[in-house]
């Protein structure tokens, strides 16, 4: 079972995007990804969190060159 945990979500006004560290736990291992979702500061937080989780899952499924094992 895959467990997804978002770190503190912040807004980067220069990039016009929300950013957070996202941890994905699979088979007893944790993989950490720096994620970003573009959007206005007024974007619904549920959409932001969902987008950050999807970004992390895409990175997780792309191979080992972008992951950090914790």
PDB file of N, CA and C in Angstrom:
ATOM      1  N   UNK A   1       0.838  -1.179   0.000  1.00  0.00           N
ATOM      2  CA  UNK A   1       0.000   0.000   0.000  1.00  0.00           C
ATOM      3  C   UNK A   1       0.883   1.241   0.000  1.00  0.00           C
ATOM      4  N   UNK A   2       0.518   2.228  -0.770  1.00  0.00           N
ATOM      5  CA  UNK A   2       1.266   3.472  -0.882  1.00  0.00           C
ATOM      6  C   UNK A   2       0.667   4.515   0.049  1.00  0.00           C
ATOM      7  N   UNK A   3       1.537   5.154   0.835  1.00  0.00           N
ATOM      8  CA  UNK A   3       1.112   6.221   1.736  1.00  0.00           C
ATOM      9  C   UNK A   3       1.797   7.505   1.284  1.00  0.00           C
ATOM     10  N   UNK A   4       1.036   8.593   1.171  1.00  0.00           N
ATOM     11  CA  UNK A   4       1.565   9.875   0.714  1.00  0.00           C
ATOM     12  C   UNK A   4       1.408  10.897   1.826  1.00  0.00           C
ATOM     13  N   UNK A   5       2.514  11.576   2.174  1.00  0.00           N
ATOM     14  CA  UNK A   5       2.500  12.619   3.203  1.00  0.00           C
ATOM     15  C   UNK A   5       3.096  13.895   2.634  1.00  0.00           C
ATOM     16  N   UNK A   6       2.351  14.986   2.749  1.00  0.00           N
ATOM     17  CA  UNK A   6       2.847  16.280   2.293  1.00  0.00           C
ATOM     18  C   UNK A   6       3.506  17.020   3.441  1.00  0.00           C
ATOM     19  N   UNK A   7       4.639  17.649   3.139  1.00  0.00           N
ATOM     20  CA  UNK A   7       5.269  18.522   4.105  1.00  0.00           C
ATOM     21  C   UNK A   7       4.551  19.864   4.077  1.00  0.00           C
ATOM     22  N   UNK A   8       5.158  20.848   4.658  1.00  0.00           N
ATOM     23  CA  UNK A   8       4.585  22.188   4.698  1.00  0.00           C
ATOM     24  C   UNK A   8       4.451  22.743   3.279  1.00  0.00           C
ATOM     25  N   UNK A   9       3.260  23.228   2.941  1.00  0.00           N
ATOM     26  CA  UNK A   9       2.996  23.779   1.615  1.00  0.00           C
ATOM     27  C   UNK A   9       3.223  25.289   1.665  1.00  0.00           C
ATOM     28  N   UNK A  10       4.013  25.781   0.711  1.00  0.00           N
ATOM     29  CA  UNK A  10       4.260  27.226   0.643  1.00  0.00           C
ATOM     30  C   UNK A  10       3.987  27.710  -0.775  1.00  0.00           C
ATOM     31  N   UNK A  11       3.807  29.030  -0.908  1.00  0.00           N
ATOM     32  CA  UNK A  11       3.559  29.617  -2.217  1.00  0.00           C
ATOM     33  C   UNK A  11       4.790  30.394  -2.651  1.00  0.00           C
ATOM     34  N   UNK A  12       5.308  30.090  -3.825  1.00  0.00           N
ATOM     35  CA  UNK A  12       6.449  30.783  -4.400  1.00  0.00           C
ATOM     36  C   UNK A  12       5.901  31.787  -5.409  1.00  0.00           C
ATOM     37  N   UNK A  13       5.829  33.045  -5.009  1.00  0.00           N
ATOM     38  CA  UNK A  13       5.230  34.074  -5.856  1.00  0.00           C
ATOM     39  C   UNK A  13       6.045  34.298  -7.127  1.00  0.00           C
ATOM     40  N   UNK A  14       7.356  34.150  -7.046  1.00  0.00           N
ATOM     41  CA  UNK A  14       8.209  34.332  -8.221  1.00  0.00           C
ATOM     42  C   UNK A  14       7.875  33.298  -9.292  1.00  0.00           C
ATOM     43  N   UNK A  15       7.659  32.065  -8.878  1.00  0.00           N
ATOM     44  CA  UNK A  15       7.339  30.986  -9.818  1.00  0.00           C
ATOM     45  C   UNK A  15       5.839  30.882 -10.086  1.00  0.00           C
ATOM     46  N   UNK A  16       5.027  31.511  -9.247  1.00  0.00           N
ATOM     47  CA  UNK A  16       3.569  31.403  -9.380  1.00  0.00           C
ATOM     48  C   UNK A  16       3.098  29.979  -9.133  1.00  0.00           C
ATOM     49  N   UNK A  17       3.675  29.353  -8.074  1.00  0.00           N
ATOM     50  CA  UNK A  17       3.367  27.949  -7.824  1.00  0.00           C
ATOM     51  C   UNK A  17       3.445  27.622  -6.340  1.00  0.00           C
ATOM     52  N   UNK A  18       2.694  26.595  -5.959  1.00  0.00           N
ATOM     53  CA  UNK A  18       2.779  26.044  -4.613  1.00  0.00           C
ATOM     54  C   UNK A  18       3.876  24.986  -4.608  1.00  0.00           C
ATOM     55  N   UNK A  19       4.593  24.892  -3.495  1.00  0.00           N
ATOM     56  CA  UNK A  19       5.693  23.940  -3.384  1.00  0.00           C
ATOM     57  C   UNK A  19       5.605  23.197  -2.058  1.00  0.00           C
ATOM     58  N   UNK A  20       6.046  21.947  -2.074  1.00  0.00           N
ATOM     59  CA  UNK A  20       6.079  21.151  -0.855  1.00  0.00           C
ATOM     60  C   UNK A  20       6.970  19.938  -1.064  1.00  0.00           C
ATOM     61  N   UNK A  21       7.472  19.434   0.021  1.00  0.00           N
ATOM     62  CA  UNK A  21       8.151  18.146   0.004  1.00  0.00           C
ATOM     63  C   UNK A  21       7.069  17.093   0.169  1.00  0.00           C
ATOM     64  N   UNK A  22       7.125  16.055  -0.655  1.00  0.00           N
ATOM     65  CA  UNK A  22       6.129  14.993  -0.575  1.00  0.00           C
ATOM     66  C   UNK A  22       6.858  13.671  -0.352  1.00  0.00           C
ATOM     67  N   UNK A  23       6.452  12.952   0.688  1.00  0.00           N
ATOM     68  CA  UNK A  23       7.025  11.644   0.996  1.00  0.00           C
ATOM     69  C   UNK A  23       6.062  10.560   0.536  1.00  0.00           C
ATOM     70  N   UNK A  24       6.589   9.580  -0.173  1.00  0.00           N
ATOM     71  CA  UNK A  24       5.815   8.420  -0.594  1.00  0.00           C
ATOM     72  C   UNK A  24       6.419   7.204   0.090  1.00  0.00           C
ATOM     73  N   UNK A  25       5.585   6.493   0.825  1.00  0.00           N
ATOM     74  CA  UNK A  25       6.037   5.300   1.544  1.00  0.00           C
ATOM     75  C   UNK A  25       5.467   4.073   0.845  1.00  0.00           C
ATOM     76  N   UNK A  26       6.383   3.206   0.407  1.00  0.00           N
ATOM     77  CA  UNK A  26       6.016   1.968  -0.282  1.00  0.00           C
ATOM     78  C   UNK A  26       6.870   0.833   0.251  1.00  0.00           C
ATOM     79  N   UNK A  27       6.260  -0.253   0.577  1.00  0.00           N
ATOM     80  CA  UNK A  27       6.974  -1.472   0.989  1.00  0.00           C
ATOM     81  C   UNK A  27       8.025  -1.181   2.060  1.00  0.00           C
ATOM     82  N   UNK A  28       7.667  -0.353   3.033  1.00  0.00           N
ATOM     83  CA  UNK A  28       8.561  -0.077   4.142  1.00  0.00           C
ATOM     84  C   UNK A  28       9.670   0.918   3.846  1.00  0.00           C
ATOM     85  N   UNK A  29       9.676   1.510   2.659  1.00  0.00           N
ATOM     86  CA  UNK A  29      10.683   2.505   2.306  1.00  0.00           C
ATOM     87  C   UNK A  29      10.010   3.839   2.034  1.00  0.00           C
ATOM     88  N   UNK A  30      10.702   4.918   2.397  1.00  0.00           N
ATOM     89  CA  UNK A  30      10.178   6.261   2.157  1.00  0.00           C
ATOM     90  C   UNK A  30      11.019   6.949   1.093  1.00  0.00           C
ATOM     91  N   UNK A  31      10.334   7.527   0.108  1.00  0.00           N
ATOM     92  CA  UNK A  31      10.986   8.270  -0.967  1.00  0.00           C
ATOM     93  C   UNK A  31      10.472   9.704  -0.910  1.00  0.00           C
ATOM     94  N   UNK A  32      11.382  10.662  -1.002  1.00  0.00           N
ATOM     95  CA  UNK A  32      11.039  12.079  -0.808  1.00  0.00           C
ATOM     96  C   UNK A  32      11.249  12.842  -2.116  1.00  0.00           C
ATOM     97  N   UNK A  33      10.247  13.668  -2.469  1.00  0.00           N
ATOM     98  CA  UNK A  33      10.290  14.416  -3.721  1.00  0.00           C
ATOM     99  C   UNK A  33       9.979  15.896  -3.493  1.00  0.00           C
ATOM    100  N   UNK A  34      10.723  16.789  -4.149  1.00  0.00           N
ATOM    101  CA  UNK A  34      10.349  18.208  -4.131  1.00  0.00           C
ATOM    102  C   UNK A  34       9.317  18.432  -5.230  1.00  0.00           C
ATOM    103  N   UNK A  35       8.130  18.910  -4.866  1.00  0.00           N
ATOM    104  CA  UNK A  35       7.051  19.022  -5.849  1.00  0.00           C
ATOM    105  C   UNK A  35       6.551  20.454  -5.961  1.00  0.00           C
ATOM    106  N   UNK A  36       5.930  20.731  -7.109  1.00  0.00           N
ATOM    107  CA  UNK A  36       5.445  22.067  -7.406  1.00  0.00           C
ATOM    108  C   UNK A  36       4.166  21.963  -8.231  1.00  0.00           C
ATOM    109  N   UNK A  37       3.213  22.858  -7.950  1.00  0.00           N
ATOM    110  CA  UNK A  37       1.968  22.949  -8.714  1.00  0.00           C
ATOM    111  C   UNK A  37       1.734  24.421  -9.042  1.00  0.00           C
ATOM    112  N   UNK A  38       1.672  24.723 -10.321  1.00  0.00           N
ATOM    113  CA  UNK A  38       1.446  26.100 -10.755  1.00  0.00           C
ATOM    114  C   UNK A  38      -0.006  26.495 -10.523  1.00  0.00           C
ATOM    115  N   UNK A  39      -0.200  27.740 -10.127  1.00  0.00           N
ATOM    116  CA  UNK A  39      -1.553  28.247  -9.930  1.00  0.00           C
ATOM    117  C   UNK A  39      -1.541  29.537  -9.138  1.00  0.00           C
ATOM    118  N   UNK A  40      -2.676  30.219  -9.106  1.00  0.00           N
ATOM    119  CA  UNK A  40      -2.765  31.478  -8.355  1.00  0.00           C
ATOM    120  C   UNK A  40      -2.771  31.206  -6.849  1.00  0.00           C
ATOM    121  N   UNK A  41      -2.402  32.201  -6.089  1.00  0.00           N
ATOM    122  CA  UNK A  41      -2.355  32.077  -4.630  1.00  0.00           C
ATOM    123  C   UNK A  41      -3.731  31.727  -4.047  1.00  0.00           C
ATOM    124  N   UNK A  42      -4.783  32.029  -4.774  1.00  0.00           N
ATOM    125  CA  UNK A  42      -6.151  31.781  -4.309  1.00  0.00           C
ATOM    126  C   UNK A  42      -6.659  30.378  -4.677  1.00  0.00           C
ATOM    127  N   UNK A  43      -5.815  29.572  -5.260  1.00  0.00           N
ATOM    128  CA  UNK A  43      -6.212  28.220  -5.681  1.00  0.00           C
ATOM    129  C   UNK A  43      -6.695  27.413  -4.472  1.00  0.00           C
ATOM    130  N   UNK A  44      -7.734  26.615  -4.667  1.00  0.00           N
ATOM    131  CA  UNK A  44      -8.297  25.778  -3.617  1.00  0.00           C
ATOM    132  C   UNK A  44      -7.225  24.831  -3.070  1.00  0.00           C
ATOM    133  N   UNK A  45      -7.062  24.782  -1.745  1.00  0.00           N
ATOM    134  CA  UNK A  45      -5.993  23.994  -1.130  1.00  0.00           C
ATOM    135  C   UNK A  45      -6.138  22.500  -1.399  1.00  0.00           C
ATOM    136  N   UNK A  46      -7.353  22.001  -1.553  1.00  0.00           N
ATOM    137  CA  UNK A  46      -7.523  20.583  -1.891  1.00  0.00           C
ATOM    138  C   UNK A  46      -6.972  20.281  -3.284  1.00  0.00           C
ATOM    139  N   UNK A  47      -7.169  21.206  -4.224  1.00  0.00           N
ATOM    140  CA  UNK A  47      -6.592  21.053  -5.574  1.00  0.00           C
ATOM    141  C   UNK A  47      -5.080  21.109  -5.508  1.00  0.00           C
ATOM    142  N   UNK A  48      -4.548  21.996  -4.677  1.00  0.00           N
ATOM    143  CA  UNK A  48      -3.098  22.117  -4.517  1.00  0.00           C
ATOM    144  C   UNK A  48      -2.525  20.800  -3.997  1.00  0.00           C
ATOM    145  N   UNK A  49      -3.094  20.284  -2.922  1.00  0.00           N
ATOM    146  CA  UNK A  49      -2.596  19.045  -2.316  1.00  0.00           C
ATOM    147  C   UNK A  49      -2.704  17.870  -3.273  1.00  0.00           C
ATOM    148  N   UNK A  50      -3.812  17.796  -3.983  1.00  0.00           N
ATOM    149  CA  UNK A  50      -3.996  16.731  -4.957  1.00  0.00           C
ATOM    150  C   UNK A  50      -2.957  16.822  -6.071  1.00  0.00           C
ATOM    151  N   UNK A  51      -2.697  18.027  -6.536  1.00  0.00           N
ATOM    152  CA  UNK A  51      -1.701  18.232  -7.586  1.00  0.00           C
ATOM    153  C   UNK A  51      -0.298  17.886  -7.124  1.00  0.00           C
ATOM    154  N   UNK A  52       0.032  18.253  -5.887  1.00  0.00           N
ATOM    155  CA  UNK A  52       1.352  17.920  -5.347  1.00  0.00           C
ATOM    156  C   UNK A  52       1.522  16.408  -5.220  1.00  0.00           C
ATOM    157  N   UNK A  53       0.490  15.726  -4.775  1.00  0.00           N
ATOM    158  CA  UNK A  53       0.546  14.265  -4.650  1.00  0.00           C
ATOM    159  C   UNK A  53       0.706  13.616  -6.024  1.00  0.00           C
ATOM    160  N   UNK A  54      -0.033  14.087  -7.023  1.00  0.00           N
ATOM    161  CA  UNK A  54       0.093  13.542  -8.380  1.00  0.00           C
ATOM    162  C   UNK A  54       1.493  13.769  -8.929  1.00  0.00           C
ATOM    163  N   UNK A  55       2.044  14.948  -8.681  1.00  0.00           N
ATOM    164  CA  UNK A  55       3.406  15.252  -9.137  1.00  0.00           C
ATOM    165  C   UNK A  55       4.400  14.262  -8.531  1.00  0.00           C
ATOM    166  N   UNK A  56       4.286  14.010  -7.233  1.00  0.00           N
ATOM    167  CA  UNK A  56       5.182  13.068  -6.563  1.00  0.00           C
ATOM    168  C   UNK A  56       5.020  11.657  -7.123  1.00  0.00           C
ATOM    169  N   UNK A  57       3.784  11.242  -7.365  1.00  0.00           N
ATOM    170  CA  UNK A  57       3.561   9.902  -7.911  1.00  0.00           C
ATOM    171  C   UNK A  57       4.153   9.771  -9.310  1.00  0.00           C
ATOM    172  N   UNK A  58       4.042  10.814 -10.129  1.00  0.00           N
ATOM    173  CA  UNK A  58       4.657  10.781 -11.463  1.00  0.00           C
ATOM    174  C   UNK A  58       6.169  10.655 -11.345  1.00  0.00           C
ATOM    175  N   UNK A  59       6.759  11.407 -10.419  1.00  0.00           N
ATOM    176  CA  UNK A  59       8.208  11.328 -10.231  1.00  0.00           C
ATOM    177  C   UNK A  59       8.600   9.947  -9.715  1.00  0.00           C
ATOM    178  N   UNK A  60       7.803   9.401  -8.840  1.00  0.00           N
ATOM    179  CA  UNK A  60       8.083   8.096  -8.247  1.00  0.00           C
ATOM    180  C   UNK A  60       8.035   6.993  -9.294  1.00  0.00           C
ATOM    181  N   UNK A  61       7.152   7.127 -10.256  1.00  0.00           N
ATOM    182  CA  UNK A  61       6.998   6.113 -11.290  1.00  0.00           C
ATOM    183  C   UNK A  61       7.973   6.285 -12.448  1.00  0.00           C
ATOM    184  N   UNK A  62       8.792   7.371 -12.414  1.00  0.00           N
ATOM    185  CA  UNK A  62       9.671   7.653 -13.554  1.00  0.00           C
ATOM    186  C   UNK A  62      11.046   7.028 -13.423  1.00  0.00           C
ATOM    187  N   UNK A  63      11.302   6.293 -12.361  1.00  0.00           N
ATOM    188  CA  UNK A  63      12.618   5.685 -12.210  1.00  0.00           C
ATOM    189  C   UNK A  63      13.332   6.233 -11.003  1.00  0.00           C
ATOM    190  N   UNK A  64      14.557   5.811 -10.810  1.00  0.00           N
ATOM    191  CA  UNK A  64      15.274   6.141  -9.588  1.00  0.00           C
ATOM    192  C   UNK A  64      16.136   7.385  -9.684  1.00  0.00           C
ATOM    193  N   UNK A  65      16.245   8.026 -10.850  1.00  0.00           N
ATOM    194  CA  UNK A  65      17.168   9.158 -10.957  1.00  0.00           C
ATOM    195  C   UNK A  65      16.661  10.424 -10.298  1.00  0.00           C
ATOM    196  N   UNK A  66      15.393  10.492  -9.867  1.00  0.00           N
ATOM    197  CA  UNK A  66      14.876  11.702  -9.221  1.00  0.00           C
ATOM    198  C   UNK A  66      14.390  11.443  -7.802  1.00  0.00           C
ATOM    199  N   UNK A  67      14.804  10.356  -7.183  1.00  0.00           N
ATOM    200  CA  UNK A  67      14.292  10.085  -5.857  1.00  0.00           C
ATOM    201  C   UNK A  67      15.372  10.205  -4.799  1.00  0.00           C
ATOM    202  N   UNK A  68      14.923  10.448  -3.599  1.00  0.00           N
ATOM    203  CA  UNK A  68      15.796  10.496  -2.436  1.00  0.00           C
ATOM    204  C   UNK A  68      15.268   9.493  -1.436  1.00  0.00           C
ATOM    205  N   UNK A  69      16.076   8.512  -1.105  1.00  0.00           N
ATOM    206  CA  UNK A  69      15.668   7.459  -0.163  1.00  0.00           C
ATOM    207  C   UNK A  69      15.965   7.926   1.245  1.00  0.00           C
ATOM    208  N   UNK A  70      14.970   7.852   2.144  1.00  0.00           N
ATOM    209  CA  UNK A  70      15.131   8.306   3.527  1.00  0.00           C
ATOM    210  C   UNK A  70      15.228   7.101   4.426  1.00  0.00           C
TER     211      UNK A  70
END
